[in-house]
Amino acid sequence: TELYRGAEYVVDFLPKIKLEVAVSDDLVEKVIDAIAQAASTG
């Protein structure tokens, strides 16, 4: 929920980034691990 000019409204859809990568089968686990570790905030 956000407050704008005294009015409260709900923001249902949050901004995100969609990242797409094409890799060979042998790199899949390395790429998944790299993305998961770098993108994690906990």
PDB file of all heavy atoms in Angstrom:
ATOM      1  N   THR A   1       0.849  -1.194   0.000  1.00  0.00           N
ATOM      2  CA  THR A   1       0.000   0.000   0.000  1.00  0.00           C
ATOM      3  C   THR A   1       0.881   1.239   0.000  1.00  0.00           C
ATOM      4  O   THR A   1       1.875   1.300   0.717  1.00  0.00           O
ATOM      5  CB  THR A   1      -0.910   0.012   1.251  1.00  0.00           C
ATOM      6  OG1 THR A   1      -1.666  -1.195   1.255  1.00  0.00           O
ATOM      7  CG2 THR A   1      -1.853   1.181   1.235  1.00  0.00           C
ATOM      8  N   GLU A   2       0.525   2.225  -0.813  1.00  0.00           N
ATOM      9  CA  GLU A   2       1.258   3.490  -0.864  1.00  0.00           C
ATOM     10  C   GLU A   2       0.304   4.647  -0.613  1.00  0.00           C
ATOM     11  O   GLU A   2      -0.905   4.541  -0.854  1.00  0.00           O
ATOM     12  CB  GLU A   2       1.934   3.674  -2.228  1.00  0.00           C
ATOM     13  CG  GLU A   2       3.103   2.761  -2.448  1.00  0.00           C
ATOM     14  CD  GLU A   2       3.868   3.092  -3.716  1.00  0.00           C
ATOM     15  OE1 GLU A   2       3.512   4.076  -4.411  1.00  0.00           O
ATOM     16  OE2 GLU A   2       4.820   2.363  -4.016  1.00  0.00           O
ATOM     17  N   LEU A   3       0.869   5.735  -0.157  1.00  0.00           N
ATOM     18  CA  LEU A   3       0.101   6.950   0.099  1.00  0.00           C
ATOM     19  C   LEU A   3       0.527   7.995  -0.927  1.00  0.00           C
ATOM     20  O   LEU A   3       1.717   8.277  -1.070  1.00  0.00           O
ATOM     21  CB  LEU A   3       0.384   7.451   1.516  1.00  0.00           C
ATOM     22  CG  LEU A   3      -0.522   8.542   2.059  1.00  0.00           C
ATOM     23  CD1 LEU A   3      -1.963   8.036   2.145  1.00  0.00           C
ATOM     24  CD2 LEU A   3      -0.046   8.959   3.430  1.00  0.00           C
ATOM     25  N   TYR A   4      -0.415   8.527  -1.699  1.00  0.00           N
ATOM     26  CA  TYR A   4      -0.104   9.524  -2.710  1.00  0.00           C
ATOM     27  C   TYR A   4      -1.110  10.646  -2.604  1.00  0.00           C
ATOM     28  O   TYR A   4      -2.317  10.443  -2.764  1.00  0.00           O
ATOM     29  CB  TYR A   4      -0.134   8.891  -4.108  1.00  0.00           C
ATOM     30  CG  TYR A   4       0.155   9.871  -5.220  1.00  0.00           C
ATOM     31  CD1 TYR A   4       1.442  10.355  -5.414  1.00  0.00           C
ATOM     32  CD2 TYR A   4      -0.850  10.314  -6.058  1.00  0.00           C
ATOM     33  CE1 TYR A   4       1.719  11.251  -6.423  1.00  0.00           C
ATOM     34  CE2 TYR A   4      -0.590  11.219  -7.083  1.00  0.00           C
ATOM     35  CZ  TYR A   4       0.699  11.685  -7.258  1.00  0.00           C
ATOM     36  OH  TYR A   4       0.979  12.580  -8.259  1.00  0.00           O
ATOM     37  N   ARG A   5      -0.635  11.856  -2.311  1.00  0.00           N
ATOM     38  CA  ARG A   5      -1.481  13.045  -2.156  1.00  0.00           C
ATOM     39  C   ARG A   5      -2.652  12.787  -1.211  1.00  0.00           C
ATOM     40  O   ARG A   5      -3.801  13.136  -1.494  1.00  0.00           O
ATOM     41  CB  ARG A   5      -1.977  13.539  -3.509  1.00  0.00           C
ATOM     42  CG  ARG A   5      -0.856  14.038  -4.376  1.00  0.00           C
ATOM     43  CD  ARG A   5      -1.380  14.709  -5.608  1.00  0.00           C
ATOM     44  NE  ARG A   5      -0.270  15.253  -6.382  1.00  0.00           N
ATOM     45  CZ  ARG A   5      -0.415  15.958  -7.473  1.00  0.00           C
ATOM     46  NH1 ARG A   5      -1.608  16.206  -7.940  1.00  0.00           N
ATOM     47  NH2 ARG A   5       0.630  16.410  -8.107  1.00  0.00           N
ATOM     48  N   GLY A   6      -2.343  12.138  -0.123  1.00  0.00           N
ATOM     49  CA  GLY A   6      -3.353  11.903   0.908  1.00  0.00           C
ATOM     50  C   GLY A   6      -4.262  10.716   0.657  1.00  0.00           C
ATOM     51  O   GLY A   6      -5.056  10.349   1.511  1.00  0.00           O
ATOM     52  N   ALA A   7      -4.169  10.117  -0.513  1.00  0.00           N
ATOM     53  CA  ALA A   7      -5.013   8.964  -0.828  1.00  0.00           C
ATOM     54  C   ALA A   7      -4.171   7.686  -0.767  1.00  0.00           C
ATOM     55  O   ALA A   7      -3.037   7.646  -1.235  1.00  0.00           O
ATOM     56  CB  ALA A   7      -5.624   9.114  -2.224  1.00  0.00           C
ATOM     57  N   GLU A   8      -4.735   6.663  -0.177  1.00  0.00           N
ATOM     58  CA  GLU A   8      -4.063   5.380  -0.066  1.00  0.00           C
ATOM     59  C   GLU A   8      -4.484   4.486  -1.224  1.00  0.00           C
ATOM     60  O   GLU A   8      -5.663   4.411  -1.553  1.00  0.00           O
ATOM     61  CB  GLU A   8      -4.460   4.737   1.269  1.00  0.00           C
ATOM     62  CG  GLU A   8      -3.514   3.682   1.748  1.00  0.00           C
ATOM     63  CD  GLU A   8      -3.853   3.202   3.142  1.00  0.00           C
ATOM     64  OE1 GLU A   8      -4.648   2.250   3.227  1.00  0.00           O
ATOM     65  OE2 GLU A   8      -3.346   3.779   4.116  1.00  0.00           O
ATOM     66  N   TYR A   9      -3.525   3.832  -1.843  1.00  0.00           N
ATOM     67  CA  TYR A   9      -3.873   2.902  -2.908  1.00  0.00           C
ATOM     68  C   TYR A   9      -2.948   1.687  -2.858  1.00  0.00           C
ATOM     69  O   TYR A   9      -1.847   1.744  -2.338  1.00  0.00           O
ATOM     70  CB  TYR A   9      -3.850   3.565  -4.287  1.00  0.00           C
ATOM     71  CG  TYR A   9      -2.509   4.041  -4.752  1.00  0.00           C
ATOM     72  CD1 TYR A   9      -1.740   3.272  -5.622  1.00  0.00           C
ATOM     73  CD2 TYR A   9      -1.986   5.258  -4.325  1.00  0.00           C
ATOM     74  CE1 TYR A   9      -0.506   3.704  -6.051  1.00  0.00           C
ATOM     75  CE2 TYR A   9      -0.751   5.691  -4.750  1.00  0.00           C
ATOM     76  CZ  TYR A   9      -0.017   4.916  -5.610  1.00  0.00           C
ATOM     77  OH  TYR A   9       1.214   5.342  -6.028  1.00  0.00           O
ATOM     78  N   VAL A  10      -3.422   0.587  -3.416  1.00  0.00           N
ATOM     79  CA  VAL A  10      -2.686  -0.666  -3.381  1.00  0.00           C
ATOM     80  C   VAL A  10      -1.921  -0.850  -4.694  1.00  0.00           C
ATOM     81  O   VAL A  10      -2.483  -0.687  -5.771  1.00  0.00           O
ATOM     82  CB  VAL A  10      -3.646  -1.868  -3.172  1.00  0.00           C
ATOM     83  CG1 VAL A  10      -2.876  -3.180  -3.225  1.00  0.00           C
ATOM     84  CG2 VAL A  10      -4.379  -1.721  -1.853  1.00  0.00           C
ATOM     85  N   VAL A  11      -0.639  -1.156  -4.586  1.00  0.00           N
ATOM     86  CA  VAL A  11       0.188  -1.468  -5.740  1.00  0.00           C
ATOM     87  C   VAL A  11       0.287  -2.989  -5.802  1.00  0.00           C
ATOM     88  O   VAL A  11       0.996  -3.610  -5.025  1.00  0.00           O
ATOM     89  CB  VAL A  11       1.593  -0.839  -5.617  1.00  0.00           C
ATOM     90  CG1 VAL A  11       2.458  -1.230  -6.801  1.00  0.00           C
ATOM     91  CG2 VAL A  11       1.494   0.664  -5.481  1.00  0.00           C
ATOM     92  N   ASP A  12      -0.509  -3.601  -6.688  1.00  0.00           N
ATOM     93  CA  ASP A  12      -0.547  -5.061  -6.798  1.00  0.00           C
ATOM     94  C   ASP A  12       0.670  -5.616  -7.526  1.00  0.00           C
ATOM     95  O   ASP A  12       1.221  -6.642  -7.146  1.00  0.00           O
ATOM     96  CB  ASP A  12      -1.797  -5.515  -7.554  1.00  0.00           C
ATOM     97  CG  ASP A  12      -3.058  -5.322  -6.734  1.00  0.00           C
ATOM     98  OD1 ASP A  12      -2.977  -5.358  -5.503  1.00  0.00           O
ATOM     99  OD2 ASP A  12      -4.126  -5.143  -7.343  1.00  0.00           O
ATOM    100  N   PHE A  13       1.067  -4.961  -8.601  1.00  0.00           N
ATOM    101  CA  PHE A  13       2.150  -5.462  -9.424  1.00  0.00           C
ATOM    102  C   PHE A  13       3.414  -4.663  -9.137  1.00  0.00           C
ATOM    103  O   PHE A  13       3.453  -3.466  -9.353  1.00  0.00           O
ATOM    104  CB  PHE A  13       1.789  -5.389 -10.907  1.00  0.00           C
ATOM    105  CG  PHE A  13       0.635  -6.281 -11.255  1.00  0.00           C
ATOM    106  CD1 PHE A  13      -0.646  -5.773 -11.403  1.00  0.00           C
ATOM    107  CD2 PHE A  13       0.832  -7.644 -11.410  1.00  0.00           C
ATOM    108  CE1 PHE A  13      -1.707  -6.601 -11.701  1.00  0.00           C
ATOM    109  CE2 PHE A  13      -0.219  -8.489 -11.718  1.00  0.00           C
ATOM    110  CZ  PHE A  13      -1.490  -7.966 -11.864  1.00  0.00           C
ATOM    111  N   LEU A  14       4.437  -5.363  -8.678  1.00  0.00           N
ATOM    112  CA  LEU A  14       5.691  -4.720  -8.323  1.00  0.00           C
ATOM    113  C   LEU A  14       6.677  -4.791  -9.490  1.00  0.00           C
ATOM    114  O   LEU A  14       6.693  -5.767 -10.236  1.00  0.00           O
ATOM    115  CB  LEU A  14       6.288  -5.428  -7.097  1.00  0.00           C
ATOM    116  CG  LEU A  14       5.386  -5.428  -5.867  1.00  0.00           C
ATOM    117  CD1 LEU A  14       5.990  -6.301  -4.779  1.00  0.00           C
ATOM    118  CD2 LEU A  14       5.167  -4.023  -5.364  1.00  0.00           C
ATOM    119  N   PRO A  15       7.527  -3.768  -9.648  1.00  0.00           N
ATOM    120  CA  PRO A  15       8.502  -3.799 -10.734  1.00  0.00           C
ATOM    121  C   PRO A  15       9.544  -4.883 -10.497  1.00  0.00           C
ATOM    122  O   PRO A  15      10.054  -5.038  -9.383  1.00  0.00           O
ATOM    123  CB  PRO A  15       9.125  -2.407 -10.702  1.00  0.00           C
ATOM    124  CG  PRO A  15       8.843  -1.878  -9.349  1.00  0.00           C
ATOM    125  CD  PRO A  15       7.601  -2.552  -8.859  1.00  0.00           C
ATOM    126  N   LYS A  16       9.850  -5.617 -11.542  1.00  0.00           N
ATOM    127  CA  LYS A  16      10.847  -6.688 -11.497  1.00  0.00           C
ATOM    128  C   LYS A  16      11.676  -6.633 -12.776  1.00  0.00           C
ATOM    129  O   LYS A  16      11.325  -5.938 -13.729  1.00  0.00           O
ATOM    130  CB  LYS A  16      10.173  -8.070 -11.411  1.00  0.00           C
ATOM    131  CG  LYS A  16       9.264  -8.273 -10.218  1.00  0.00           C
ATOM    132  CD  LYS A  16      10.043  -8.445  -8.953  1.00  0.00           C
ATOM    133  CE  LYS A  16       9.092  -8.735  -7.804  1.00  0.00           C
ATOM    134  NZ  LYS A  16       9.804  -8.987  -6.572  1.00  0.00           N
ATOM    135  N   ILE A  17      12.750  -7.389 -12.793  1.00  0.00           N
ATOM    136  CA  ILE A  17      13.576  -7.548 -13.986  1.00  0.00           C
ATOM    137  C   ILE A  17      13.517  -9.010 -14.396  1.00  0.00           C
ATOM    138  O   ILE A  17      13.667  -9.904 -13.567  1.00  0.00           O
ATOM    139  CB  ILE A  17      15.047  -7.163 -13.715  1.00  0.00           C
ATOM    140  CG1 ILE A  17      15.178  -5.674 -13.389  1.00  0.00           C
ATOM    141  CG2 ILE A  17      15.945  -7.552 -14.893  1.00  0.00           C
ATOM    142  CD1 ILE A  17      14.881  -4.743 -14.539  1.00  0.00           C
ATOM    143  N   LYS A  18      13.280  -9.247 -15.689  1.00  0.00           N
ATOM    144  CA  LYS A  18      13.323 -10.606 -16.229  1.00  0.00           C
ATOM    145  C   LYS A  18      14.607 -10.725 -17.041  1.00  0.00           C
ATOM    146  O   LYS A  18      14.827  -9.980 -17.989  1.00  0.00           O
ATOM    147  CB  LYS A  18      12.115 -10.879 -17.115  1.00  0.00           C
ATOM    148  CG  LYS A  18      12.099 -12.275 -17.705  1.00  0.00           C
ATOM    149  CD  LYS A  18      10.856 -12.454 -18.551  1.00  0.00           C
ATOM    150  CE  LYS A  18      10.801 -13.809 -19.204  1.00  0.00           C
ATOM    151  NZ  LYS A  18       9.609 -13.934 -20.056  1.00  0.00           N
ATOM    152  N   LEU A  19      15.445 -11.663 -16.635  1.00  0.00           N
ATOM    153  CA  LEU A  19      16.726 -11.886 -17.270  1.00  0.00           C
ATOM    154  C   LEU A  19      16.657 -13.220 -18.014  1.00  0.00           C
ATOM    155  O   LEU A  19      16.175 -14.198 -17.453  1.00  0.00           O
ATOM    156  CB  LEU A  19      17.801 -11.932 -16.178  1.00  0.00           C
ATOM    157  CG  LEU A  19      19.208 -12.200 -16.605  1.00  0.00           C
ATOM    158  CD1 LEU A  19      20.110 -11.198 -15.923  1.00  0.00           C
ATOM    159  CD2 LEU A  19      19.603 -13.602 -16.232  1.00  0.00           C
ATOM    160  N   GLU A  20      17.101 -13.246 -19.260  1.00  0.00           N
ATOM    161  CA  GLU A  20      17.077 -14.467 -20.061  1.00  0.00           C
ATOM    162  C   GLU A  20      18.483 -14.764 -20.584  1.00  0.00           C
ATOM    163  O   GLU A  20      19.147 -13.864 -21.098  1.00  0.00           O
ATOM    164  CB  GLU A  20      16.112 -14.319 -21.234  1.00  0.00           C
ATOM    165  CG  GLU A  20      14.678 -14.077 -20.788  1.00  0.00           C
ATOM    166  CD  GLU A  20      13.767 -13.744 -21.943  1.00  0.00           C
ATOM    167  OE1 GLU A  20      13.725 -12.557 -22.323  1.00  0.00           O
ATOM    168  OE2 GLU A  20      13.121 -14.672 -22.472  1.00  0.00           O
ATOM    169  N   VAL A  21      18.902 -16.021 -20.424  1.00  0.00           N
ATOM    170  CA  VAL A  21      20.229 -16.441 -20.848  1.00  0.00           C
ATOM    171  C   VAL A  21      20.114 -17.811 -21.515  1.00  0.00           C
ATOM    172  O   VAL A  21      19.439 -18.694 -20.984  1.00  0.00           O
ATOM    173  CB  VAL A  21      21.195 -16.560 -19.645  1.00  0.00           C
ATOM    174  CG1 VAL A  21      22.583 -16.926 -20.099  1.00  0.00           C
ATOM    175  CG2 VAL A  21      21.225 -15.293 -18.833  1.00  0.00           C
ATOM    176  N   ALA A  22      20.775 -17.993 -22.645  1.00  0.00           N
ATOM    177  CA  ALA A  22      20.839 -19.298 -23.303  1.00  0.00           C
ATOM    178  C   ALA A  22      22.226 -19.883 -23.031  1.00  0.00           C
ATOM    179  O   ALA A  22      23.234 -19.224 -23.292  1.00  0.00           O
ATOM    180  CB  ALA A  22      20.610 -19.158 -24.796  1.00  0.00           C
ATOM    181  N   VAL A  23      22.247 -21.097 -22.480  1.00  0.00           N
ATOM    182  CA  VAL A  23      23.528 -21.714 -22.118  1.00  0.00           C
ATOM    183  C   VAL A  23      23.545 -23.192 -22.507  1.00  0.00           C
ATOM    184  O   VAL A  23      22.497 -23.815 -22.661  1.00  0.00           O
ATOM    185  CB  VAL A  23      23.830 -21.586 -20.608  1.00  0.00           C
ATOM    186  CG1 VAL A  23      23.938 -20.134 -20.200  1.00  0.00           C
ATOM    187  CG2 VAL A  23      22.800 -22.292 -19.769  1.00  0.00           C
ATOM    188  N   SER A  24      24.747 -23.740 -22.613  1.00  0.00           N
ATOM    189  CA  SER A  24      24.882 -25.172 -22.855  1.00  0.00           C
ATOM    190  C   SER A  24      24.545 -25.923 -21.570  1.00  0.00           C
ATOM    191  O   SER A  24      24.621 -25.366 -20.469  1.00  0.00           O
ATOM    192  CB  SER A  24      26.292 -25.503 -23.329  1.00  0.00           C
ATOM    193  OG  SER A  24      27.233 -25.110 -22.349  1.00  0.00           O
ATOM    194  N   ASP A  25      24.183 -27.179 -21.721  1.00  0.00           N
ATOM    195  CA  ASP A  25      23.733 -27.980 -20.572  1.00  0.00           C
ATOM    196  C   ASP A  25      24.761 -28.027 -19.445  1.00  0.00           C
ATOM    197  O   ASP A  25      24.388 -28.057 -18.274  1.00  0.00           O
ATOM    198  CB  ASP A  25      23.396 -29.404 -21.015  1.00  0.00           C
ATOM    199  CG  ASP A  25      22.142 -29.466 -21.873  1.00  0.00           C
ATOM    200  OD1 ASP A  25      21.322 -28.525 -21.802  1.00  0.00           O
ATOM    201  OD2 ASP A  25      21.982 -30.452 -22.608  1.00  0.00           O
ATOM    202  N   ASP A  26      26.048 -28.017 -19.779  1.00  0.00           N
ATOM    203  CA  ASP A  26      27.072 -28.117 -18.740  1.00  0.00           C
ATOM    204  C   ASP A  26      27.210 -26.852 -17.892  1.00  0.00           C
ATOM    205  O   ASP A  26      27.813 -26.888 -16.821  1.00  0.00           O
ATOM    206  CB  ASP A  26      28.427 -28.510 -19.348  1.00  0.00           C
ATOM    207  CG  ASP A  26      28.921 -27.505 -20.373  1.00  0.00           C
ATOM    208  OD1 ASP A  26      28.099 -26.998 -21.158  1.00  0.00           O
ATOM    209  OD2 ASP A  26      30.137 -27.242 -20.390  1.00  0.00           O
ATOM    210  N   LEU A  27      26.655 -25.727 -18.335  1.00  0.00           N
ATOM    211  CA  LEU A  27      26.742 -24.476 -17.570  1.00  0.00           C
ATOM    212  C   LEU A  27      25.488 -24.173 -16.748  1.00  0.00           C
ATOM    213  O   LEU A  27      25.481 -23.206 -15.979  1.00  0.00           O
ATOM    214  CB  LEU A  27      26.999 -23.296 -18.513  1.00  0.00           C
ATOM    215  CG  LEU A  27      28.387 -23.208 -19.129  1.00  0.00           C
ATOM    216  CD1 LEU A  27      28.443 -22.052 -20.111  1.00  0.00           C
ATOM    217  CD2 LEU A  27      29.427 -23.031 -18.038  1.00  0.00           C
ATOM    218  N   VAL A  28      24.443 -24.963 -16.894  1.00  0.00           N
ATOM    219  CA  VAL A  28      23.157 -24.651 -16.259  1.00  0.00           C
ATOM    220  C   VAL A  28      23.295 -24.473 -14.752  1.00  0.00           C
ATOM    221  O   VAL A  28      22.851 -23.463 -14.194  1.00  0.00           O
ATOM    222  CB  VAL A  28      22.098 -25.724 -16.597  1.00  0.00           C
ATOM    223  CG1 VAL A  28      20.846 -25.540 -15.764  1.00  0.00           C
ATOM    224  CG2 VAL A  28      21.751 -25.669 -18.072  1.00  0.00           C
ATOM    225  N   GLU A  29      23.908 -25.428 -14.073  1.00  0.00           N
ATOM    226  CA  GLU A  29      24.012 -25.343 -12.602  1.00  0.00           C
ATOM    227  C   GLU A  29      24.847 -24.153 -12.161  1.00  0.00           C
ATOM    228  O   GLU A  29      24.519 -23.495 -11.178  1.00  0.00           O
ATOM    229  CB  GLU A  29      24.572 -26.646 -12.024  1.00  0.00           C
ATOM    230  CG  GLU A  29      23.607 -27.805 -12.107  1.00  0.00           C
ATOM    231  CD  GLU A  29      22.274 -27.550 -11.401  1.00  0.00           C
ATOM    232  OE1 GLU A  29      22.262 -26.966 -10.300  1.00  0.00           O
ATOM    233  OE2 GLU A  29      21.228 -27.922 -11.973  1.00  0.00           O
ATOM    234  N   LYS A  30      25.935 -23.857 -12.889  1.00  0.00           N
ATOM    235  CA  LYS A  30      26.767 -22.696 -12.541  1.00  0.00           C
ATOM    236  C   LYS A  30      25.982 -21.396 -12.675  1.00  0.00           C
ATOM    237  O   LYS A  30      26.089 -20.498 -11.845  1.00  0.00           O
ATOM    238  CB  LYS A  30      28.019 -22.657 -13.420  1.00  0.00           C
ATOM    239  CG  LYS A  30      29.042 -23.714 -13.081  1.00  0.00           C
ATOM    240  CD  LYS A  30      30.185 -23.728 -14.076  1.00  0.00           C
ATOM    241  CE  LYS A  30      31.151 -22.604 -13.794  1.00  0.00           C
ATOM    242  NZ  LYS A  30      32.366 -22.693 -14.635  1.00  0.00           N
ATOM    243  N   VAL A  31      25.184 -21.300 -13.740  1.00  0.00           N
ATOM    244  CA  VAL A  31      24.390 -20.088 -13.965  1.00  0.00           C
ATOM    245  C   VAL A  31      23.317 -19.947 -12.891  1.00  0.00           C
ATOM    246  O   VAL A  31      23.127 -18.862 -12.331  1.00  0.00           O
ATOM    247  CB  VAL A  31      23.765 -20.094 -15.383  1.00  0.00           C
ATOM    248  CG1 VAL A  31      22.753 -18.979 -15.539  1.00  0.00           C
ATOM    249  CG2 VAL A  31      24.858 -19.975 -16.432  1.00  0.00           C
ATOM    250  N   ILE A  32      22.636 -21.036 -12.572  1.00  0.00           N
ATOM    251  CA  ILE A  32      21.605 -20.999 -11.530  1.00  0.00           C
ATOM    252  C   ILE A  32      22.213 -20.557 -10.200  1.00  0.00           C
ATOM    253  O   ILE A  32      21.666 -19.686  -9.515  1.00  0.00           O
ATOM    254  CB  ILE A  32      20.916 -22.374 -11.389  1.00  0.00           C
ATOM    255  CG1 ILE A  32      20.072 -22.669 -12.616  1.00  0.00           C
ATOM    256  CG2 ILE A  32      20.061 -22.427 -10.130  1.00  0.00           C
ATOM    257  CD1 ILE A  32      19.542 -24.088 -12.670  1.00  0.00           C
ATOM    258  N   ASP A  33      23.344 -21.151  -9.839  1.00  0.00           N
ATOM    259  CA  ASP A  33      23.999 -20.789  -8.578  1.00  0.00           C
ATOM    260  C   ASP A  33      24.425 -19.329  -8.561  1.00  0.00           C
ATOM    261  O   ASP A  33      24.243 -18.625  -7.562  1.00  0.00           O
ATOM    262  CB  ASP A  33      25.214 -21.688  -8.328  1.00  0.00           C
ATOM    263  CG  ASP A  33      24.823 -23.120  -8.012  1.00  0.00           C
ATOM    264  OD1 ASP A  33      23.644 -23.367  -7.648  1.00  0.00           O
ATOM    265  OD2 ASP A  33      25.696 -24.007  -8.135  1.00  0.00           O
ATOM    266  N   ALA A  34      24.991 -18.846  -9.665  1.00  0.00           N
ATOM    267  CA  ALA A  34      25.443 -17.457  -9.750  1.00  0.00           C
ATOM    268  C   ALA A  34      24.278 -16.483  -9.600  1.00  0.00           C
ATOM    269  O   ALA A  34      24.363 -15.503  -8.849  1.00  0.00           O
ATOM    270  CB  ALA A  34      26.178 -17.209 -11.069  1.00  0.00           C
ATOM    271  N   ILE A  35      23.170 -16.760 -10.286  1.00  0.00           N
ATOM    272  CA  ILE A  35      21.996 -15.883 -10.199  1.00  0.00           C
ATOM    273  C   ILE A  35      21.419 -15.925  -8.791  1.00  0.00           C
ATOM    274  O   ILE A  35      21.127 -14.880  -8.192  1.00  0.00           O
ATOM    275  CB  ILE A  35      20.920 -16.285 -11.231  1.00  0.00           C
ATOM    276  CG1 ILE A  35      21.417 -16.025 -12.654  1.00  0.00           C
ATOM    277  CG2 ILE A  35      19.617 -15.517 -10.969  1.00  0.00           C
ATOM    278  CD1 ILE A  35      20.518 -16.593 -13.739  1.00  0.00           C
ATOM    279  N   ALA A  36      21.253 -17.123  -8.237  1.00  0.00           N
ATOM    280  CA  ALA A  36      20.640 -17.258  -6.909  1.00  0.00           C
ATOM    281  C   ALA A  36      21.463 -16.543  -5.841  1.00  0.00           C
ATOM    282  O   ALA A  36      20.905 -15.841  -4.989  1.00  0.00           O
ATOM    283  CB  ALA A  36      20.483 -18.730  -6.558  1.00  0.00           C
ATOM    284  N   GLN A  37      22.768 -16.673  -5.884  1.00  0.00           N
ATOM    285  CA  GLN A  37      23.611 -16.024  -4.877  1.00  0.00           C
ATOM    286  C   GLN A  37      23.621 -14.509  -5.043  1.00  0.00           C
ATOM    287  O   GLN A  37      23.529 -13.768  -4.075  1.00  0.00           O
ATOM    288  CB  GLN A  37      25.032 -16.571  -4.941  1.00  0.00           C
ATOM    289  CG  GLN A  37      25.140 -17.984  -4.405  1.00  0.00           C
ATOM    290  CD  GLN A  37      26.537 -18.557  -4.549  1.00  0.00           C
ATOM    291  OE1 GLN A  37      27.458 -17.897  -5.021  1.00  0.00           O
ATOM    292  NE2 GLN A  37      26.690 -19.815  -4.156  1.00  0.00           N
ATOM    293  N   ALA A  38      23.728 -14.030  -6.279  1.00  0.00           N
ATOM    294  CA  ALA A  38      23.810 -12.588  -6.524  1.00  0.00           C
ATOM    295  C   ALA A  38      22.477 -11.876  -6.304  1.00  0.00           C
ATOM    296  O   ALA A  38      22.451 -10.725  -5.882  1.00  0.00           O
ATOM    297  CB  ALA A  38      24.313 -12.322  -7.941  1.00  0.00           C
ATOM    298  N   ALA A  39      21.359 -12.553  -6.563  1.00  0.00           N
ATOM    299  CA  ALA A  39      20.042 -11.914  -6.465  1.00  0.00           C
ATOM    300  C   ALA A  39      19.438 -12.003  -5.068  1.00  0.00           C
ATOM    301  O   ALA A  39      18.476 -11.318  -4.761  1.00  0.00           O
ATOM    302  CB  ALA A  39      19.082 -12.528  -7.473  1.00  0.00           C
ATOM    303  N   SER A  40      20.025 -12.820  -4.218  1.00  0.00           N
ATOM    304  CA  SER A  40      19.432 -13.069  -2.904  1.00  0.00           C
ATOM    305  C   SER A  40      19.568 -11.879  -1.952  1.00  0.00           C
ATOM    306  O   SER A  40      20.635 -11.278  -1.841  1.00  0.00           O
ATOM    307  CB  SER A  40      20.093 -14.289  -2.265  1.00  0.00           C
ATOM    308  OG  SER A  40      19.568 -14.508  -0.976  1.00  0.00           O
ATOM    309  N   THR A  41      18.466 -11.553  -1.300  1.00  0.00           N
ATOM    310  CA  THR A  41      18.484 -10.562  -0.213  1.00  0.00           C
ATOM    311  C   THR A  41      18.106 -11.229   1.102  1.00  0.00           C
ATOM    312  O   THR A  41      18.215 -10.618   2.152  1.00  0.00           O
ATOM    313  CB  THR A  41      17.485  -9.411  -0.474  1.00  0.00           C
ATOM    314  OG1 THR A  41      16.154  -9.936  -0.472  1.00  0.00           O
ATOM    315  CG2 THR A  41      17.763  -8.704  -1.778  1.00  0.00           C
ATOM    316  N   GLY A  42      17.606 -12.464   1.005  1.00  0.00           N
ATOM    317  CA  GLY A  42      17.165 -13.169   2.198  1.00  0.00           C
ATOM    318  C   GLY A  42      15.751 -12.815   2.617  1.00  0.00           C
ATOM    319  O   GLY A  42      15.268 -13.263   3.649  1.00  0.00           O
TER     320      GLY A  42
END
